[in-house]
Full PDB file with SEQRES, HELIX, SHEET, SSBOND, CRYST1, ORIGX, SCALE, CONECT and MASTER records, all heavy atoms in Angstrom:
SEQRES   1 A   33  ASN GLY ASN PRO ASP VAL MET MET ALA ALA TRP GLY SER          
SEQRES   2 A   33  GLN CYS GLY SER LYS GLN ILE CYS PHE GLU LEU SER PRO          
SEQRES   3 A   33  HIS LYS THR THR ASP ASN ILE                                  
HELIX    1 AA1 LYS A   28  ASN A   32  1                                   5    
SHEET    1 AA1 2 GLY A  12  GLN A  14  0                                        
SHEET    2 AA1 2 ILE A  20  PHE A  22 -1                                        
CRYST1    1.000    1.000    1.000  90.00  90.00  90.00 P 1           1          
ORIGX1      1.000000  0.000000  0.000000        0.00000                         
ORIGX2      0.000000  1.000000  0.000000        0.00000                         
ORIGX3      0.000000  0.000000  1.000000        0.00000                         
SCALE1      1.000000  0.000000  0.000000        0.00000                         
SCALE2      0.000000  1.000000  0.000000        0.00000                         
SCALE3      0.000000  0.000000  1.000000        0.00000                         
ATOM      1  N   ASN A   1     -12.192  13.921  -9.023  1.00  0.00           N  
ATOM      2  CA  ASN A   1     -11.306  14.821  -9.728  1.00  0.00           C  
ATOM      3  C   ASN A   1     -12.022  15.967 -10.391  1.00  0.00           C  
ATOM      4  O   ASN A   1     -11.460  16.781 -11.153  1.00  0.00           O  
ATOM      5  CB  ASN A   1     -10.554  14.012 -10.840  1.00  0.00           C  
ATOM      6  CG  ASN A   1      -9.698  12.938 -10.202  1.00  0.00           C  
ATOM      7  OD1 ASN A   1      -9.019  13.123  -9.216  1.00  0.00           O  
ATOM      8  ND2 ASN A   1      -9.723  11.754 -10.805  1.00  0.00           N  
ATOM      9  N   GLY A   2     -13.367  16.167 -10.121  1.00  0.00           N  
ATOM     10  CA  GLY A   2     -14.073  17.276 -10.711  1.00  0.00           C  
ATOM     11  C   GLY A   2     -14.550  17.080 -12.131  1.00  0.00           C  
ATOM     12  O   GLY A   2     -14.925  17.919 -12.777  1.00  0.00           O  
ATOM     13  N   ASN A   3     -14.456  15.755 -12.581  1.00  0.00           N  
ATOM     14  CA  ASN A   3     -14.922  15.427 -13.918  1.00  0.00           C  
ATOM     15  C   ASN A   3     -16.456  15.296 -13.891  1.00  0.00           C  
ATOM     16  O   ASN A   3     -17.022  14.596 -13.052  1.00  0.00           O  
ATOM     17  CB  ASN A   3     -14.351  14.064 -14.388  1.00  0.00           C  
ATOM     18  CG  ASN A   3     -12.828  14.224 -14.511  1.00  0.00           C  
ATOM     19  OD1 ASN A   3     -12.246  15.316 -15.075  1.00  0.00           O  
ATOM     20  ND2 ASN A   3     -12.063  13.275 -14.130  1.00  0.00           N  
ATOM     21  N   PRO A   4     -17.188  15.929 -14.869  1.00  0.00           N  
ATOM     22  CA  PRO A   4     -18.649  15.835 -14.882  1.00  0.00           C  
ATOM     23  C   PRO A   4     -19.118  14.516 -15.431  1.00  0.00           C  
ATOM     24  O   PRO A   4     -18.495  13.927 -16.373  1.00  0.00           O  
ATOM     25  CB  PRO A   4     -19.060  17.002 -15.718  1.00  0.00           C  
ATOM     26  CG  PRO A   4     -17.920  17.197 -16.628  1.00  0.00           C  
ATOM     27  CD  PRO A   4     -16.671  16.816 -15.913  1.00  0.00           C  
ATOM     28  N   ASP A   5     -20.189  14.080 -14.922  1.00  0.00           N  
ATOM     29  CA  ASP A   5     -20.833  12.842 -15.498  1.00  0.00           C  
ATOM     30  C   ASP A   5     -22.300  13.092 -15.441  1.00  0.00           C  
ATOM     31  O   ASP A   5     -22.892  13.814 -14.647  1.00  0.00           O  
ATOM     32  CB  ASP A   5     -20.512  11.630 -14.526  1.00  0.00           C  
ATOM     33  CG  ASP A   5     -21.076  10.340 -15.118  1.00  0.00           C  
ATOM     34  OD1 ASP A   5     -21.306  10.214 -16.331  1.00  0.00           O  
ATOM     35  OD2 ASP A   5     -21.414   9.447 -14.284  1.00  0.00           O  
ATOM     36  N   VAL A   6     -23.042  12.383 -16.364  1.00  0.00           N  
ATOM     37  CA  VAL A   6     -24.459  12.448 -16.342  1.00  0.00           C  
ATOM     38  C   VAL A   6     -25.020  11.117 -16.862  1.00  0.00           C  
ATOM     39  O   VAL A   6     -24.526  10.435 -17.673  1.00  0.00           O  
ATOM     40  CB  VAL A   6     -25.026  13.632 -17.314  1.00  0.00           C  
ATOM     41  CG1 VAL A   6     -24.617  13.442 -18.716  1.00  0.00           C  
ATOM     42  CG2 VAL A   6     -26.613  13.660 -17.164  1.00  0.00           C  
ATOM     43  N   MET A   7     -26.123  10.674 -16.223  1.00  0.00           N  
ATOM     44  CA  MET A   7     -26.682   9.357 -16.600  1.00  0.00           C  
ATOM     45  C   MET A   7     -28.211   9.506 -16.621  1.00  0.00           C  
ATOM     46  O   MET A   7     -28.792  10.479 -15.957  1.00  0.00           O  
ATOM     47  CB  MET A   7     -26.413   8.139 -15.669  1.00  0.00           C  
ATOM     48  CG  MET A   7     -26.969   8.319 -14.205  1.00  0.00           C  
ATOM     49  SD  MET A   7     -26.836   6.773 -13.282  1.00  0.00           S  
ATOM     50  CE  MET A   7     -28.154   5.757 -14.110  1.00  0.00           C  
ATOM     51  N   MET A   8     -28.903   8.693 -17.400  1.00  0.00           N  
ATOM     52  CA  MET A   8     -30.363   8.639 -17.523  1.00  0.00           C  
ATOM     53  C   MET A   8     -30.843   7.657 -16.447  1.00  0.00           C  
ATOM     54  O   MET A   8     -30.266   6.558 -16.321  1.00  0.00           O  
ATOM     55  CB  MET A   8     -30.874   8.311 -18.851  1.00  0.00           C  
ATOM     56  CG  MET A   8     -32.443   8.295 -18.862  1.00  0.00           C  
ATOM     57  SD  MET A   8     -33.045   7.610 -20.431  1.00  0.00           S  
ATOM     58  CE  MET A   8     -32.701   8.946 -21.591  1.00  0.00           C  
ATOM     59  N   ALA A   9     -31.922   7.929 -15.723  1.00  0.00           N  
ATOM     60  CA  ALA A   9     -32.492   6.998 -14.770  1.00  0.00           C  
ATOM     61  C   ALA A   9     -34.045   7.215 -14.895  1.00  0.00           C  
ATOM     62  O   ALA A   9     -34.486   8.198 -15.304  1.00  0.00           O  
ATOM     63  CB  ALA A   9     -32.036   7.251 -13.372  1.00  0.00           C  
ATOM     64  N   ALA A  10     -34.794   6.176 -14.592  1.00  0.00           N  
ATOM     65  CA  ALA A  10     -36.191   6.177 -14.585  1.00  0.00           C  
ATOM     66  C   ALA A  10     -36.825   5.849 -13.267  1.00  0.00           C  
ATOM     67  O   ALA A  10     -38.011   6.178 -13.094  1.00  0.00           O  
ATOM     68  CB  ALA A  10     -36.814   5.187 -15.687  1.00  0.00           C  
ATOM     69  N   TRP A  11     -36.140   5.233 -12.406  1.00  0.00           N  
ATOM     70  CA  TRP A  11     -36.705   4.866 -11.080  1.00  0.00           C  
ATOM     71  C   TRP A  11     -36.655   6.092 -10.140  1.00  0.00           C  
ATOM     72  O   TRP A  11     -35.849   6.106  -9.140  1.00  0.00           O  
ATOM     73  CB  TRP A  11     -36.030   3.664 -10.528  1.00  0.00           C  
ATOM     74  CG  TRP A  11     -36.335   2.366 -11.254  1.00  0.00           C  
ATOM     75  CD1 TRP A  11     -36.791   2.241 -12.468  1.00  0.00           C  
ATOM     76  CD2 TRP A  11     -36.003   1.089 -10.770  1.00  0.00           C  
ATOM     77  NE1 TRP A  11     -36.963   0.967 -12.856  1.00  0.00           N  
ATOM     78  CE2 TRP A  11     -36.471   0.252 -11.799  1.00  0.00           C  
ATOM     79  CE3 TRP A  11     -35.458   0.563  -9.670  1.00  0.00           C  
ATOM     80  CZ2 TRP A  11     -36.347  -1.169 -11.666  1.00  0.00           C  
ATOM     81  CZ3 TRP A  11     -35.368  -0.799  -9.513  1.00  0.00           C  
ATOM     82  CH2 TRP A  11     -35.796  -1.760 -10.511  1.00  0.00           C  
ATOM     83  N   GLY A  12     -37.361   7.088 -10.481  1.00  0.00           N  
ATOM     84  CA  GLY A  12     -37.343   8.350  -9.527  1.00  0.00           C  
ATOM     85  C   GLY A  12     -38.739   9.030  -9.533  1.00  0.00           C  
ATOM     86  O   GLY A  12     -39.529   8.888 -10.445  1.00  0.00           O  
ATOM     87  N   SER A  13     -38.956   9.726  -8.529  1.00  0.00           N  
ATOM     88  CA  SER A  13     -40.189  10.477  -8.310  1.00  0.00           C  
ATOM     89  C   SER A  13     -40.071  11.645  -7.388  1.00  0.00           C  
ATOM     90  O   SER A  13     -39.095  11.623  -6.476  1.00  0.00           O  
ATOM     91  CB  SER A  13     -41.219   9.467  -7.763  1.00  0.00           C  
ATOM     92  OG  SER A  13     -42.496  10.178  -7.584  1.00  0.00           O  
ATOM     93  N   GLN A  14     -40.943  12.536  -7.390  1.00  0.00           N  
ATOM     94  CA  GLN A  14     -41.015  13.537  -6.392  1.00  0.00           C  
ATOM     95  C   GLN A  14     -41.716  13.012  -5.150  1.00  0.00           C  
ATOM     96  O   GLN A  14     -42.648  12.244  -5.245  1.00  0.00           O  
ATOM     97  CB  GLN A  14     -41.888  14.790  -6.870  1.00  0.00           C  
ATOM     98  CG  GLN A  14     -41.894  15.944  -5.895  1.00  0.00           C  
ATOM     99  CD  GLN A  14     -42.393  17.207  -6.532  1.00  0.00           C  
ATOM    100  OE1 GLN A  14     -42.829  17.195  -7.687  1.00  0.00           O  
ATOM    101  NE2 GLN A  14     -42.657  18.238  -5.677  1.00  0.00           N  
ATOM    102  N   CYS A  15     -41.090  13.236  -4.005  1.00  0.00           N  
ATOM    103  CA  CYS A  15     -41.559  12.585  -2.743  1.00  0.00           C  
ATOM    104  C   CYS A  15     -41.852  13.536  -1.640  1.00  0.00           C  
ATOM    105  O   CYS A  15     -41.980  13.261  -0.418  1.00  0.00           O  
ATOM    106  CB  CYS A  15     -40.588  11.448  -2.290  1.00  0.00           C  
ATOM    107  SG  CYS A  15     -38.917  12.100  -1.819  1.00  0.00           S  
ATOM    108  N   GLY A  16     -41.953  14.887  -2.034  1.00  0.00           N  
ATOM    109  CA  GLY A  16     -42.251  15.945  -1.098  1.00  0.00           C  
ATOM    110  C   GLY A  16     -42.235  17.185  -1.831  1.00  0.00           C  
ATOM    111  O   GLY A  16     -41.938  17.280  -2.994  1.00  0.00           O  
ATOM    112  N   SER A  17     -42.622  18.316  -1.191  1.00  0.00           N  
ATOM    113  CA  SER A  17     -42.745  19.595  -1.897  1.00  0.00           C  
ATOM    114  C   SER A  17     -41.383  20.071  -2.327  1.00  0.00           C  
ATOM    115  O   SER A  17     -41.339  20.764  -3.397  1.00  0.00           O  
ATOM    116  CB  SER A  17     -43.386  20.687  -0.975  1.00  0.00           C  
ATOM    117  OG  SER A  17     -42.556  20.839   0.204  1.00  0.00           O  
ATOM    118  N   LYS A  18     -40.261  19.687  -1.679  1.00  0.00           N  
ATOM    119  CA  LYS A  18     -39.008  20.086  -2.079  1.00  0.00           C  
ATOM    120  C   LYS A  18     -38.030  18.860  -2.242  1.00  0.00           C  
ATOM    121  O   LYS A  18     -36.848  19.103  -2.133  1.00  0.00           O  
ATOM    122  CB  LYS A  18     -38.419  21.075  -1.063  1.00  0.00           C  
ATOM    123  CG  LYS A  18     -39.197  22.426  -1.017  1.00  0.00           C  
ATOM    124  CD  LYS A  18     -38.487  23.380  -0.098  1.00  0.00           C  
ATOM    125  CE  LYS A  18     -39.196  24.693  -0.008  1.00  0.00           C  
ATOM    126  NZ  LYS A  18     -38.580  25.646   0.914  1.00  0.00           N  
ATOM    127  N   GLN A  19     -38.529  17.673  -2.240  1.00  0.00           N  
ATOM    128  CA  GLN A  19     -37.698  16.528  -2.281  1.00  0.00           C  
ATOM    129  C   GLN A  19     -38.004  15.552  -3.366  1.00  0.00           C  
ATOM    130  O   GLN A  19     -39.207  15.480  -3.784  1.00  0.00           O  
ATOM    131  CB  GLN A  19     -37.800  15.702  -0.888  1.00  0.00           C  
ATOM    132  CG  GLN A  19     -37.289  16.443   0.284  1.00  0.00           C  
ATOM    133  CD  GLN A  19     -37.248  15.692   1.575  1.00  0.00           C  
ATOM    134  OE1 GLN A  19     -38.078  14.769   1.748  1.00  0.00           O  
ATOM    135  NE2 GLN A  19     -36.241  15.917   2.375  1.00  0.00           N  
ATOM    136  N   ILE A  20     -36.995  14.886  -3.911  1.00  0.00           N  
ATOM    137  CA  ILE A  20     -37.160  13.864  -4.916  1.00  0.00           C  
ATOM    138  C   ILE A  20     -36.394  12.630  -4.370  1.00  0.00           C  
ATOM    139  O   ILE A  20     -35.474  12.721  -3.590  1.00  0.00           O  
ATOM    140  CB  ILE A  20     -36.545  14.305  -6.274  1.00  0.00           C  
ATOM    141  CG1 ILE A  20     -35.069  14.622  -6.107  1.00  0.00           C  
ATOM    142  CG2 ILE A  20     -37.345  15.458  -6.749  1.00  0.00           C  
ATOM    143  CD1 ILE A  20     -34.442  14.938  -7.466  1.00  0.00           C  
ATOM    144  N   CYS A  21     -36.814  11.503  -4.920  1.00  0.00           N  
ATOM    145  CA  CYS A  21     -36.193  10.250  -4.563  1.00  0.00           C  
ATOM    146  C   CYS A  21     -35.962   9.364  -5.780  1.00  0.00           C  
ATOM    147  O   CYS A  21     -36.841   9.308  -6.677  1.00  0.00           O  
ATOM    148  CB  CYS A  21     -37.097   9.507  -3.537  1.00  0.00           C  
ATOM    149  SG  CYS A  21     -36.438   7.876  -2.942  1.00  0.00           S  
ATOM    150  N   PHE A  22     -34.788   8.612  -5.843  1.00  0.00           N  
ATOM    151  CA  PHE A  22     -34.646   7.682  -6.885  1.00  0.00           C  
ATOM    152  C   PHE A  22     -33.731   6.601  -6.379  1.00  0.00           C  
ATOM    153  O   PHE A  22     -33.099   6.737  -5.411  1.00  0.00           O  
ATOM    154  CB  PHE A  22     -33.963   8.411  -8.145  1.00  0.00           C  
ATOM    155  CG  PHE A  22     -32.792   9.184  -7.824  1.00  0.00           C  
ATOM    156  CD1 PHE A  22     -31.465   8.562  -7.742  1.00  0.00           C  
ATOM    157  CD2 PHE A  22     -32.783  10.629  -7.656  1.00  0.00           C  
ATOM    158  CE1 PHE A  22     -30.397   9.350  -7.445  1.00  0.00           C  
ATOM    159  CE2 PHE A  22     -31.745  11.351  -7.364  1.00  0.00           C  
ATOM    160  CZ  PHE A  22     -30.420  10.701  -7.282  1.00  0.00           C  
ATOM    161  N   GLU A  23     -33.705   5.479  -7.195  1.00  0.00           N  
ATOM    162  CA  GLU A  23     -32.910   4.289  -6.789  1.00  0.00           C  
ATOM    163  C   GLU A  23     -31.971   3.983  -7.930  1.00  0.00           C  
ATOM    164  O   GLU A  23     -32.374   4.051  -9.109  1.00  0.00           O  
ATOM    165  CB  GLU A  23     -33.779   3.128  -6.418  1.00  0.00           C  
ATOM    166  CG  GLU A  23     -34.673   3.349  -5.285  1.00  0.00           C  
ATOM    167  CD  GLU A  23     -35.364   2.142  -4.762  1.00  0.00           C  
ATOM    168  OE1 GLU A  23     -35.055   0.987  -5.318  1.00  0.00           O  
ATOM    169  OE2 GLU A  23     -36.115   2.187  -3.788  1.00  0.00           O  
ATOM    170  N   LEU A  24     -30.761   3.676  -7.643  1.00  0.00           N  
ATOM    171  CA  LEU A  24     -29.744   3.300  -8.558  1.00  0.00           C  
ATOM    172  C   LEU A  24     -29.049   2.041  -8.301  1.00  0.00           C  
ATOM    173  O   LEU A  24     -28.852   1.747  -7.142  1.00  0.00           O  
ATOM    174  CB  LEU A  24     -28.644   4.490  -8.653  1.00  0.00           C  
ATOM    175  CG  LEU A  24     -29.112   5.891  -8.988  1.00  0.00           C  
ATOM    176  CD1 LEU A  24     -27.963   6.840  -8.892  1.00  0.00           C  
ATOM    177  CD2 LEU A  24     -29.674   5.887 -10.394  1.00  0.00           C  
ATOM    178  N   SER A  25     -28.620   1.315  -9.294  1.00  0.00           N  
ATOM    179  CA  SER A  25     -27.713   0.194  -9.158  1.00  0.00           C  
ATOM    180  C   SER A  25     -26.290   0.750  -9.023  1.00  0.00           C  
ATOM    181  O   SER A  25     -26.093   1.895  -9.025  1.00  0.00           O  
ATOM    182  CB  SER A  25     -27.831  -0.768 -10.289  1.00  0.00           C  
ATOM    183  OG  SER A  25     -27.509  -0.073 -11.479  1.00  0.00           O  
ATOM    184  N   PRO A  26     -25.279  -0.043  -8.846  1.00  0.00           N  
ATOM    185  CA  PRO A  26     -23.894   0.441  -8.803  1.00  0.00           C  
ATOM    186  C   PRO A  26     -23.557   1.143 -10.085  1.00  0.00           C  
ATOM    187  O   PRO A  26     -23.586   0.569 -11.188  1.00  0.00           O  
ATOM    188  CB  PRO A  26     -23.074  -0.835  -8.656  1.00  0.00           C  
ATOM    189  CG  PRO A  26     -24.001  -1.807  -8.003  1.00  0.00           C  
ATOM    190  CD  PRO A  26     -25.346  -1.510  -8.616  1.00  0.00           C  
ATOM    191  N   HIS A  27     -23.322   2.398 -10.033  1.00  0.00           N  
ATOM    192  CA  HIS A  27     -22.970   3.287 -11.163  1.00  0.00           C  
ATOM    193  C   HIS A  27     -21.850   4.247 -10.673  1.00  0.00           C  
ATOM    194  O   HIS A  27     -21.671   4.521  -9.496  1.00  0.00           O  
ATOM    195  CB  HIS A  27     -24.075   4.070 -11.622  1.00  0.00           C  
ATOM    196  CG  HIS A  27     -25.167   3.262 -12.315  1.00  0.00           C  
ATOM    197  ND1 HIS A  27     -24.988   2.822 -13.629  1.00  0.00           N  
ATOM    198  CD2 HIS A  27     -26.406   2.883 -11.916  1.00  0.00           C  
ATOM    199  CE1 HIS A  27     -26.031   2.172 -13.983  1.00  0.00           C  
ATOM    200  NE2 HIS A  27     -26.933   2.266 -13.012  1.00  0.00           N  
ATOM    201  N   LYS A  28     -21.201   4.824 -11.625  1.00  0.00           N  
ATOM    202  CA  LYS A  28     -20.331   5.962 -11.371  1.00  0.00           C  
ATOM    203  C   LYS A  28     -21.063   7.045 -10.592  1.00  0.00           C  
ATOM    204  O   LYS A  28     -20.628   7.707  -9.695  1.00  0.00           O  
ATOM    205  CB  LYS A  28     -19.701   6.405 -12.631  1.00  0.00           C  
ATOM    206  CG  LYS A  28     -18.798   7.661 -12.456  1.00  0.00           C  
ATOM    207  CD  LYS A  28     -17.482   7.206 -11.913  1.00  0.00           C  
ATOM    208  CE  LYS A  28     -16.393   8.355 -11.884  1.00  0.00           C  
ATOM    209  NZ  LYS A  28     -15.186   7.998 -11.368  1.00  0.00           N  
ATOM    210  N   THR A  29     -22.326   7.277 -11.109  1.00  0.00           N  
ATOM    211  CA  THR A  29     -23.112   8.403 -10.438  1.00  0.00           C  
ATOM    212  C   THR A  29     -23.463   7.984  -9.013  1.00  0.00           C  
ATOM    213  O   THR A  29     -23.402   8.898  -8.147  1.00  0.00           O  
ATOM    214  CB  THR A  29     -24.508   8.429 -11.231  1.00  0.00           C  
ATOM    215  OG1 THR A  29     -24.129   8.925 -12.591  1.00  0.00           O  
ATOM    216  CG2 THR A  29     -25.444   9.416 -10.523  1.00  0.00           C  
ATOM    217  N   THR A  30     -23.663   6.749  -8.694  1.00  0.00           N  
ATOM    218  CA  THR A  30     -23.955   6.368  -7.354  1.00  0.00           C  
ATOM    219  C   THR A  30     -22.768   6.608  -6.423  1.00  0.00           C  
ATOM    220  O   THR A  30     -22.879   7.162  -5.339  1.00  0.00           O  
ATOM    221  CB  THR A  30     -24.332   4.811  -7.269  1.00  0.00           C  
ATOM    222  OG1 THR A  30     -25.099   4.467  -8.354  1.00  0.00           O  
ATOM    223  CG2 THR A  30     -24.995   4.452  -5.966  1.00  0.00           C  
ATOM    224  N   ASP A  31     -21.563   6.347  -6.958  1.00  0.00           N  
ATOM    225  CA  ASP A  31     -20.450   6.657  -6.211  1.00  0.00           C  
ATOM    226  C   ASP A  31     -20.156   8.064  -6.046  1.00  0.00           C  
ATOM    227  O   ASP A  31     -19.797   8.636  -4.956  1.00  0.00           O  
ATOM    228  CB  ASP A  31     -19.151   6.055  -6.911  1.00  0.00           C  
ATOM    229  CG  ASP A  31     -19.210   4.512  -6.883  1.00  0.00           C  
ATOM    230  OD1 ASP A  31     -19.841   3.931  -6.025  1.00  0.00           O  
ATOM    231  OD2 ASP A  31     -18.520   3.892  -7.704  1.00  0.00           O  
ATOM    232  N   ASN A  32     -20.422   8.920  -7.037  1.00  0.00           N  
ATOM    233  CA  ASN A  32     -20.254  10.331  -7.060  1.00  0.00           C  
ATOM    234  C   ASN A  32     -21.183  10.990  -6.054  1.00  0.00           C  
ATOM    235  O   ASN A  32     -20.821  11.889  -5.379  1.00  0.00           O  
ATOM    236  CB  ASN A  32     -20.430  10.967  -8.418  1.00  0.00           C  
ATOM    237  CG  ASN A  32     -19.330  10.594  -9.397  1.00  0.00           C  
ATOM    238  OD1 ASN A  32     -18.344  10.075  -8.970  1.00  0.00           O  
ATOM    239  ND2 ASN A  32     -19.643  10.882 -10.643  1.00  0.00           N  
ATOM    240  N   ILE A  33     -22.448  10.488  -5.975  1.00  0.00           N  
ATOM    241  CA  ILE A  33     -23.426  11.086  -5.026  1.00  0.00           C  
ATOM    242  C   ILE A  33     -23.025  10.791  -3.589  1.00  0.00           C  
ATOM    243  O   ILE A  33     -23.030  11.648  -2.719  1.00  0.00           O  
ATOM    244  CB  ILE A  33     -24.825  10.520  -5.292  1.00  0.00           C  
ATOM    245  CG1 ILE A  33     -25.305  11.110  -6.597  1.00  0.00           C  
ATOM    246  CG2 ILE A  33     -25.746  10.918  -4.147  1.00  0.00           C  
ATOM    247  CD1 ILE A  33     -26.679  10.526  -7.036  1.00  0.00           C  
TER     248      ILE A  33                                                      
MASTER        0    0    0    1    2    0    0    6  247    1    0    3          
END                                                                             
């Protein structure tokens, strides 16, 4: 519906010159992505 959401995560890292990677459990953010 276009509603903004934001969450904090810590399991993430840069994995290339222009790429990042992270892992999430089931979250609203996971569904939105």
